[in-house]
Amino acid sequence: MILREGSKLVYHRLAWKEPFAPHLLQVLYEDDDMVALNKPSGLQVLPKGIFQQRTVLAQLQWKEWKMPPSSCSKRKNVQLHPVPVHRLGRGTSGLLLCAKTKLAKVQLASYFAEGAANAEKKRDGTEVGKERKISKFYRALVTGILEHDG
């Protein structure tokens, strides 16, 4: 089959049912530029694979947010809905920062990346160099006895 100008291509995806995923997002902080959410474990941030609707991004699109006033001088800067500025894996719970404006998105993303390219690893695995303005820290709950630190 050859598509020509004016042709229509229709794709019908096979029906599927997304697996259960937590759906309650707790808002920890909100202002005109950003939202900080408590993301539960089991909820994917962005659509991928079998999770297309049960994601943080989909919930951000559905919820009504307190967006900056339309008379605001930075109206061109306002997005339709908040967007995540970093990712937490589906199995990870924790603080997820989302930007309400394009400027906040750029600024927050740069805070996560700042210093990453300039860092050097020492022999003990620690990094030296310019520190990031925002860093992620992970904690794990385990059962049993660990033989080694790490």
N, C-alpha and C. Protein backbone atom coordinates (compact mmCIF):
# COMPACT_ATOMS: atom_id res chain seq x y z
N MET A 1 0.84 -1.17 0.00
CA MET A 1 0.00 0.00 0.00
C MET A 1 0.89 1.24 0.00
N ILE A 2 0.57 2.18 -0.83
CA ILE A 2 1.32 3.43 -0.90
C ILE A 2 0.39 4.56 -0.48
N LEU A 3 0.89 5.37 0.45
CA LEU A 3 0.12 6.54 0.88
C LEU A 3 0.43 7.70 -0.05
N ARG A 4 -0.60 8.37 -0.46
CA ARG A 4 -0.45 9.53 -1.32
C ARG A 4 -1.06 10.74 -0.61
N GLU A 5 -0.83 11.91 -1.13
CA GLU A 5 -1.39 13.12 -0.54
C GLU A 5 -2.90 12.97 -0.43
N GLY A 6 -3.43 13.25 0.75
CA GLY A 6 -4.87 13.13 1.00
C GLY A 6 -5.29 11.77 1.52
N SER A 7 -4.36 10.78 1.50
CA SER A 7 -4.68 9.45 2.03
C SER A 7 -4.82 9.52 3.53
N LYS A 8 -5.59 8.61 4.08
CA LYS A 8 -5.74 8.51 5.53
C LYS A 8 -5.21 7.17 5.99
N LEU A 9 -4.44 7.19 7.05
CA LEU A 9 -3.94 5.97 7.66
C LEU A 9 -4.58 5.87 9.03
N VAL A 10 -5.28 4.77 9.27
CA VAL A 10 -5.97 4.58 10.55
C VAL A 10 -5.33 3.38 11.24
N TYR A 11 -4.98 3.58 12.50
CA TYR A 11 -4.37 2.52 13.29
C TYR A 11 -5.30 2.20 14.45
N HIS A 12 -5.63 0.95 14.63
CA HIS A 12 -6.46 0.53 15.75
C HIS A 12 -5.60 -0.31 16.68
N ARG A 13 -5.34 0.24 17.85
CA ARG A 13 -4.54 -0.48 18.83
C ARG A 13 -5.42 -1.54 19.47
N LEU A 14 -4.83 -2.69 19.71
CA LEU A 14 -5.57 -3.76 20.38
C LEU A 14 -5.98 -3.31 21.77
N ALA A 15 -7.15 -3.71 22.18
CA ALA A 15 -7.63 -3.34 23.52
C ALA A 15 -6.75 -4.00 24.58
N TRP A 16 -6.49 -3.27 25.63
CA TRP A 16 -5.75 -3.83 26.75
C TRP A 16 -6.23 -3.14 28.01
N LYS A 17 -5.97 -3.77 29.11
CA LYS A 17 -6.36 -3.19 30.39
C LYS A 17 -5.07 -2.89 31.16
N GLU A 18 -4.93 -1.64 31.54
CA GLU A 18 -3.73 -1.28 32.30
C GLU A 18 -3.78 -1.93 33.67
N PRO A 19 -2.63 -2.39 34.15
CA PRO A 19 -2.59 -2.97 35.50
C PRO A 19 -2.91 -1.90 36.54
N PHE A 20 -3.28 -2.35 37.72
CA PHE A 20 -3.56 -1.42 38.82
C PHE A 20 -2.32 -0.58 39.10
N ALA A 21 -2.54 0.67 39.41
CA ALA A 21 -1.47 1.57 39.87
C ALA A 21 -2.10 2.52 40.87
N PRO A 22 -1.34 2.89 41.92
CA PRO A 22 -1.88 3.86 42.87
C PRO A 22 -2.24 5.15 42.12
N HIS A 23 -3.24 5.85 42.61
CA HIS A 23 -3.66 7.06 41.89
C HIS A 23 -3.76 8.30 42.76
N LEU A 24 -3.48 8.18 44.03
CA LEU A 24 -3.59 9.35 44.90
C LEU A 24 -2.25 10.09 44.96
N LEU A 25 -2.26 11.32 44.49
CA LEU A 25 -1.07 12.17 44.56
C LEU A 25 -1.30 13.21 45.64
N GLN A 26 -0.46 13.21 46.64
CA GLN A 26 -0.58 14.18 47.72
C GLN A 26 0.24 15.43 47.36
N VAL A 27 -0.41 16.59 47.36
CA VAL A 27 0.28 17.85 47.10
C VAL A 27 0.92 18.30 48.41
N LEU A 28 2.25 18.40 48.40
CA LEU A 28 2.98 18.82 49.60
C LEU A 28 3.23 20.33 49.60
N TYR A 29 3.35 20.91 48.41
CA TYR A 29 3.62 22.34 48.28
C TYR A 29 3.13 22.79 46.91
N GLU A 30 2.60 24.00 46.84
CA GLU A 30 2.18 24.56 45.55
C GLU A 30 2.27 26.07 45.59
N ASP A 31 2.83 26.65 44.52
CA ASP A 31 2.80 28.10 44.33
C ASP A 31 2.53 28.37 42.84
N ASP A 32 2.72 29.60 42.39
CA ASP A 32 2.42 29.94 40.99
C ASP A 32 3.36 29.28 39.99
N ASP A 33 4.53 28.83 40.45
CA ASP A 33 5.54 28.30 39.54
C ASP A 33 5.71 26.79 39.58
N MET A 34 5.41 26.17 40.72
CA MET A 34 5.70 24.75 40.85
C MET A 34 4.76 24.04 41.81
N VAL A 35 4.80 22.71 41.73
CA VAL A 35 4.04 21.84 42.63
C VAL A 35 5.00 20.74 43.08
N ALA A 36 5.00 20.43 44.37
CA ALA A 36 5.77 19.31 44.91
C ALA A 36 4.78 18.23 45.33
N LEU A 37 4.94 17.03 44.77
CA LEU A 37 4.02 15.93 45.02
C LEU A 37 4.70 14.80 45.76
N ASN A 38 3.92 14.05 46.53
CA ASN A 38 4.39 12.82 47.15
C ASN A 38 3.96 11.68 46.23
N LYS A 39 4.91 11.16 45.43
CA LYS A 39 4.59 10.10 44.46
C LYS A 39 4.67 8.75 45.16
N PRO A 40 3.58 7.96 45.10
CA PRO A 40 3.62 6.64 45.73
C PRO A 40 4.36 5.63 44.86
N SER A 41 4.89 4.61 45.49
CA SER A 41 5.51 3.50 44.77
C SER A 41 4.45 2.81 43.92
N GLY A 42 4.82 2.38 42.72
CA GLY A 42 3.89 1.69 41.84
C GLY A 42 3.25 2.58 40.80
N LEU A 43 3.44 3.90 40.91
CA LEU A 43 2.86 4.84 39.95
C LEU A 43 3.97 5.35 39.03
N GLN A 44 3.78 5.16 37.74
CA GLN A 44 4.77 5.59 36.74
C GLN A 44 4.61 7.08 36.49
N VAL A 45 5.73 7.78 36.26
CA VAL A 45 5.68 9.23 36.04
C VAL A 45 5.21 9.56 34.62
N LEU A 46 5.82 8.96 33.61
CA LEU A 46 5.50 9.25 32.21
C LEU A 46 4.91 8.02 31.53
N PRO A 47 4.05 8.21 30.51
CA PRO A 47 3.48 7.07 29.79
C PRO A 47 4.56 6.25 29.10
N LYS A 48 4.49 4.94 29.26
CA LYS A 48 5.44 4.04 28.59
C LYS A 48 4.92 2.62 28.74
N GLY A 49 5.09 1.83 27.70
CA GLY A 49 4.69 0.43 27.76
C GLY A 49 3.21 0.28 28.02
N ILE A 50 2.87 -0.56 29.00
CA ILE A 50 1.46 -0.83 29.28
C ILE A 50 0.81 0.25 30.14
N PHE A 51 1.60 1.20 30.64
CA PHE A 51 1.05 2.30 31.44
C PHE A 51 0.96 3.55 30.56
N GLN A 52 -0.25 3.85 30.09
CA GLN A 52 -0.47 5.03 29.26
C GLN A 52 -1.33 6.07 29.96
N GLN A 53 -2.29 5.64 30.77
CA GLN A 53 -3.21 6.55 31.46
C GLN A 53 -2.94 6.62 32.95
N ARG A 54 -2.51 5.54 33.53
CA ARG A 54 -2.28 5.51 34.98
C ARG A 54 -0.85 5.98 35.28
N THR A 55 -0.66 7.28 35.05
CA THR A 55 0.65 7.90 35.24
C THR A 55 0.49 9.24 35.96
N VAL A 56 1.59 9.73 36.50
CA VAL A 56 1.57 11.05 37.13
C VAL A 56 1.20 12.11 36.10
N LEU A 57 1.80 12.04 34.90
CA LEU A 57 1.53 13.04 33.88
C LEU A 57 0.05 13.10 33.52
N ALA A 58 -0.59 11.95 33.38
CA ALA A 58 -2.03 11.93 33.08
C ALA A 58 -2.83 12.59 34.20
N GLN A 59 -2.46 12.33 35.45
CA GLN A 59 -3.17 12.95 36.57
C GLN A 59 -2.96 14.45 36.59
N LEU A 60 -1.75 14.89 36.25
CA LEU A 60 -1.49 16.33 36.20
C LEU A 60 -2.35 16.99 35.12
N GLN A 61 -2.61 16.27 34.03
CA GLN A 61 -3.43 16.82 32.95
C GLN A 61 -4.91 16.88 33.33
N TRP A 62 -5.38 15.94 34.14
CA TRP A 62 -6.80 15.87 34.51
C TRP A 62 -7.18 16.83 35.62
N LYS A 63 -6.28 17.05 36.56
CA LYS A 63 -6.60 17.84 37.76
C LYS A 63 -6.66 19.33 37.42
N GLU A 64 -7.52 20.04 38.12
CA GLU A 64 -7.56 21.50 37.98
C GLU A 64 -6.56 22.09 38.97
N TRP A 65 -5.63 22.87 38.45
CA TRP A 65 -4.57 23.46 39.28
C TRP A 65 -4.79 24.96 39.41
N LYS A 66 -4.24 25.50 40.48
CA LYS A 66 -4.23 26.95 40.66
C LYS A 66 -3.10 27.48 39.79
N MET A 67 -3.43 27.89 38.58
CA MET A 67 -2.41 28.40 37.67
C MET A 67 -2.30 29.91 37.85
N PRO A 68 -1.14 30.48 37.45
CA PRO A 68 -1.00 31.93 37.57
C PRO A 68 -2.13 32.64 36.82
N PRO A 69 -2.58 33.80 37.31
CA PRO A 69 -3.68 34.52 36.67
C PRO A 69 -3.38 34.85 35.21
N SER A 70 -4.43 34.86 34.38
CA SER A 70 -4.24 35.12 32.95
C SER A 70 -3.76 36.55 32.69
N SER A 71 -4.01 37.44 33.64
CA SER A 71 -3.54 38.82 33.46
C SER A 71 -2.06 38.95 33.81
N CYS A 72 -1.48 37.89 34.29
CA CYS A 72 -0.08 37.89 34.69
C CYS A 72 0.81 38.20 33.48
N SER A 73 1.86 38.96 33.68
CA SER A 73 2.74 39.34 32.58
C SER A 73 3.48 38.14 32.00
N LYS A 74 3.59 37.06 32.76
CA LYS A 74 4.30 35.88 32.25
C LYS A 74 3.33 34.85 31.67
N ARG A 75 2.17 35.28 31.19
CA ARG A 75 1.15 34.37 30.64
C ARG A 75 1.71 33.47 29.55
N LYS A 76 2.55 34.02 28.67
CA LYS A 76 3.15 33.22 27.61
C LYS A 76 3.99 32.09 28.19
N ASN A 77 4.43 32.29 29.40
CA ASN A 77 5.31 31.34 30.08
C ASN A 77 4.52 30.21 30.74
N VAL A 78 3.20 30.37 30.92
CA VAL A 78 2.39 29.39 31.64
C VAL A 78 2.08 28.19 30.75
N GLN A 79 2.19 27.00 31.31
CA GLN A 79 1.87 25.77 30.59
C GLN A 79 0.42 25.40 30.85
N LEU A 80 -0.12 24.47 30.08
CA LEU A 80 -1.51 24.05 30.26
C LEU A 80 -1.73 23.31 31.58
N HIS A 81 -0.71 22.62 32.04
CA HIS A 81 -0.76 21.87 33.29
C HIS A 81 0.67 21.69 33.78
N PRO A 82 0.87 21.40 35.06
CA PRO A 82 2.23 21.17 35.55
C PRO A 82 2.86 19.96 34.85
N VAL A 83 4.18 19.99 34.69
CA VAL A 83 4.92 18.87 34.11
C VAL A 83 6.07 18.49 35.03
N PRO A 84 6.36 17.18 35.15
CA PRO A 84 7.49 16.75 35.98
C PRO A 84 8.80 17.28 35.43
N VAL A 85 9.71 17.68 36.32
CA VAL A 85 11.02 18.16 35.88
C VAL A 85 12.11 17.12 36.10
N HIS A 86 11.75 16.01 36.71
CA HIS A 86 12.67 14.89 36.86
C HIS A 86 11.83 13.63 36.94
N ARG A 87 12.48 12.49 37.04
CA ARG A 87 11.76 11.23 37.03
C ARG A 87 12.09 10.44 38.29
N LEU A 88 11.09 9.73 38.78
CA LEU A 88 11.30 8.73 39.82
C LEU A 88 10.78 7.42 39.24
N GLY A 89 11.52 6.36 39.36
CA GLY A 89 11.10 5.07 38.82
C GLY A 89 9.76 4.64 39.38
N ARG A 90 9.07 3.76 38.64
CA ARG A 90 7.74 3.32 39.05
C ARG A 90 7.75 2.71 40.45
N GLY A 91 8.78 1.98 40.80
CA GLY A 91 8.85 1.35 42.11
C GLY A 91 9.35 2.25 43.22
N THR A 92 9.63 3.50 42.91
CA THR A 92 10.19 4.44 43.88
C THR A 92 9.12 5.42 44.35
N SER A 93 9.06 5.63 45.65
CA SER A 93 8.16 6.66 46.19
C SER A 93 9.02 7.86 46.58
N GLY A 94 8.41 9.03 46.63
CA GLY A 94 9.17 10.19 47.06
C GLY A 94 8.67 11.49 46.48
N LEU A 95 9.44 12.53 46.70
CA LEU A 95 9.11 13.89 46.30
C LEU A 95 9.34 14.06 44.80
N LEU A 96 8.31 14.52 44.10
CA LEU A 96 8.39 14.77 42.66
C LEU A 96 8.07 16.24 42.41
N LEU A 97 9.00 16.96 41.79
CA LEU A 97 8.79 18.37 41.50
C LEU A 97 8.23 18.54 40.10
N CYS A 98 7.20 19.38 39.98
CA CYS A 98 6.55 19.64 38.70
C CYS A 98 6.47 21.15 38.48
N ALA A 99 6.76 21.57 37.26
CA ALA A 99 6.76 23.00 36.92
C ALA A 99 5.43 23.41 36.32
N LYS A 100 4.97 24.60 36.70
CA LYS A 100 3.75 25.17 36.13
C LYS A 100 4.06 26.15 35.00
N THR A 101 5.29 26.64 34.96
CA THR A 101 5.68 27.59 33.92
C THR A 101 6.90 27.05 33.17
N LYS A 102 7.08 27.54 31.95
CA LYS A 102 8.24 27.11 31.16
C LYS A 102 9.54 27.54 31.83
N LEU A 103 9.54 28.74 32.39
CA LEU A 103 10.73 29.23 33.08
C LEU A 103 11.07 28.36 34.28
N ALA A 104 10.07 27.99 35.06
CA ALA A 104 10.31 27.12 36.22
C ALA A 104 10.82 25.75 35.78
N LYS A 105 10.30 25.25 34.67
CA LYS A 105 10.75 23.95 34.15
C LYS A 105 12.24 23.99 33.82
N VAL A 106 12.65 25.02 33.10
CA VAL A 106 14.06 25.16 32.73
C VAL A 106 14.93 25.33 33.97
N GLN A 107 14.49 26.19 34.89
CA GLN A 107 15.29 26.48 36.09
C GLN A 107 15.42 25.25 36.99
N LEU A 108 14.30 24.57 37.27
CA LEU A 108 14.35 23.39 38.14
C LEU A 108 15.17 22.27 37.51
N ALA A 109 15.00 22.05 36.21
CA ALA A 109 15.78 21.00 35.53
C ALA A 109 17.27 21.32 35.60
N SER A 110 17.63 22.59 35.48
CA SER A 110 19.04 22.97 35.56
C SER A 110 19.59 22.75 36.97
N TYR A 111 18.74 22.91 37.99
CA TYR A 111 19.19 22.66 39.36
C TYR A 111 19.57 21.20 39.57
N PHE A 112 18.84 20.28 38.91
CA PHE A 112 19.18 18.86 39.01
C PHE A 112 20.47 18.55 38.25
N ALA A 113 20.68 19.21 37.11
CA ALA A 113 21.82 18.90 36.25
C ALA A 113 23.08 19.65 36.64
N GLU A 114 22.94 20.80 37.29
CA GLU A 114 24.08 21.65 37.60
C GLU A 114 25.15 20.88 38.37
N GLY A 115 26.36 20.98 37.90
CA GLY A 115 27.46 20.33 38.60
C GLY A 115 27.69 18.90 38.15
N ALA A 116 26.74 18.29 37.47
CA ALA A 116 26.88 16.89 37.07
C ALA A 116 28.03 16.71 36.08
N ALA A 117 28.15 17.64 35.12
CA ALA A 117 29.19 17.50 34.10
C ALA A 117 30.57 17.84 34.65
N ASN A 118 30.64 18.64 35.71
CA ASN A 118 31.92 19.07 36.26
C ASN A 118 32.43 18.16 37.37
N ALA A 119 31.63 17.21 37.79
CA ALA A 119 32.02 16.37 38.92
C ALA A 119 33.05 15.32 38.48
N GLU A 120 33.99 15.05 39.37
CA GLU A 120 34.98 14.00 39.14
C GLU A 120 34.83 12.98 40.25
N LYS A 121 35.01 11.70 39.90
CA LYS A 121 34.91 10.65 40.91
C LYS A 121 36.27 10.39 41.53
N LYS A 122 36.29 10.31 42.86
CA LYS A 122 37.50 9.93 43.57
C LYS A 122 37.55 8.41 43.64
N ARG A 123 38.66 7.88 44.10
CA ARG A 123 38.83 6.42 44.18
C ARG A 123 37.79 5.76 45.07
N ASP A 124 37.35 6.46 46.10
CA ASP A 124 36.37 5.87 47.02
C ASP A 124 34.94 5.97 46.48
N GLY A 125 34.77 6.50 45.26
CA GLY A 125 33.45 6.57 44.65
C GLY A 125 32.72 7.87 44.88
N THR A 126 33.24 8.72 45.75
CA THR A 126 32.58 10.00 46.00
C THR A 126 32.91 10.98 44.89
N GLU A 127 32.06 11.97 44.72
CA GLU A 127 32.26 12.96 43.68
C GLU A 127 32.74 14.27 44.28
N VAL A 128 33.64 14.93 43.57
CA VAL A 128 34.09 16.26 43.98
C VAL A 128 33.81 17.21 42.83
N GLY A 129 33.68 18.44 43.15
CA GLY A 129 33.40 19.44 42.12
C GLY A 129 32.23 20.29 42.54
N LYS A 130 31.66 20.98 41.58
CA LYS A 130 30.54 21.86 41.85
C LYS A 130 29.33 21.05 42.30
N GLU A 131 28.70 21.48 43.38
CA GLU A 131 27.54 20.76 43.92
C GLU A 131 26.27 21.16 43.19
N ARG A 132 25.36 20.22 43.09
CA ARG A 132 24.05 20.49 42.50
C ARG A 132 23.22 21.29 43.49
N LYS A 133 22.30 22.10 42.98
CA LYS A 133 21.41 22.85 43.85
C LYS A 133 20.30 21.95 44.38
N ILE A 134 19.93 20.92 43.60
CA ILE A 134 18.95 19.93 44.04
C ILE A 134 19.57 18.56 43.86
N SER A 135 19.53 17.75 44.89
CA SER A 135 20.08 16.39 44.81
C SER A 135 19.01 15.40 45.22
N LYS A 136 19.13 14.18 44.71
CA LYS A 136 18.22 13.10 45.09
C LYS A 136 18.95 12.20 46.09
N PHE A 137 18.20 11.76 47.08
CA PHE A 137 18.73 10.80 48.05
C PHE A 137 17.77 9.63 48.12
N TYR A 138 18.30 8.42 48.14
CA TYR A 138 17.47 7.23 48.16
C TYR A 138 17.69 6.46 49.46
N ARG A 139 16.62 5.89 49.99
CA ARG A 139 16.69 5.01 51.15
C ARG A 139 15.95 3.74 50.80
N ALA A 140 16.42 2.63 51.33
CA ALA A 140 15.77 1.35 51.05
C ALA A 140 15.46 0.64 52.36
N LEU A 141 14.32 -0.02 52.41
CA LEU A 141 13.96 -0.85 53.55
C LEU A 141 14.24 -2.30 53.16
N VAL A 142 15.00 -2.98 53.96
CA VAL A 142 15.35 -4.37 53.66
C VAL A 142 15.04 -5.25 54.86
N THR A 143 14.89 -6.53 54.61
CA THR A 143 14.74 -7.49 55.70
C THR A 143 15.96 -8.38 55.72
N GLY A 144 16.26 -8.90 56.87
CA GLY A 144 17.43 -9.77 57.00
C GLY A 144 18.65 -8.98 57.42
N ILE A 145 19.81 -9.61 57.32
CA ILE A 145 21.07 -8.99 57.73
C ILE A 145 21.94 -8.78 56.50
N LEU A 146 22.40 -7.55 56.32
CA LEU A 146 23.31 -7.24 55.21
C LEU A 146 24.73 -7.55 55.64
N GLU A 147 25.46 -8.24 54.78
CA GLU A 147 26.84 -8.58 55.10
C GLU A 147 27.80 -7.43 54.83
N HIS A 148 27.47 -6.58 53.87
CA HIS A 148 28.33 -5.46 53.51
C HIS A 148 27.52 -4.18 53.45
N ASP A 149 28.19 -3.06 53.72
CA ASP A 149 27.53 -1.76 53.54
C ASP A 149 27.38 -1.51 52.05
N GLY A 150 26.35 -0.77 51.68
CA GLY A 150 26.24 -0.42 50.27
C GLY A 150 24.90 -0.33 49.79
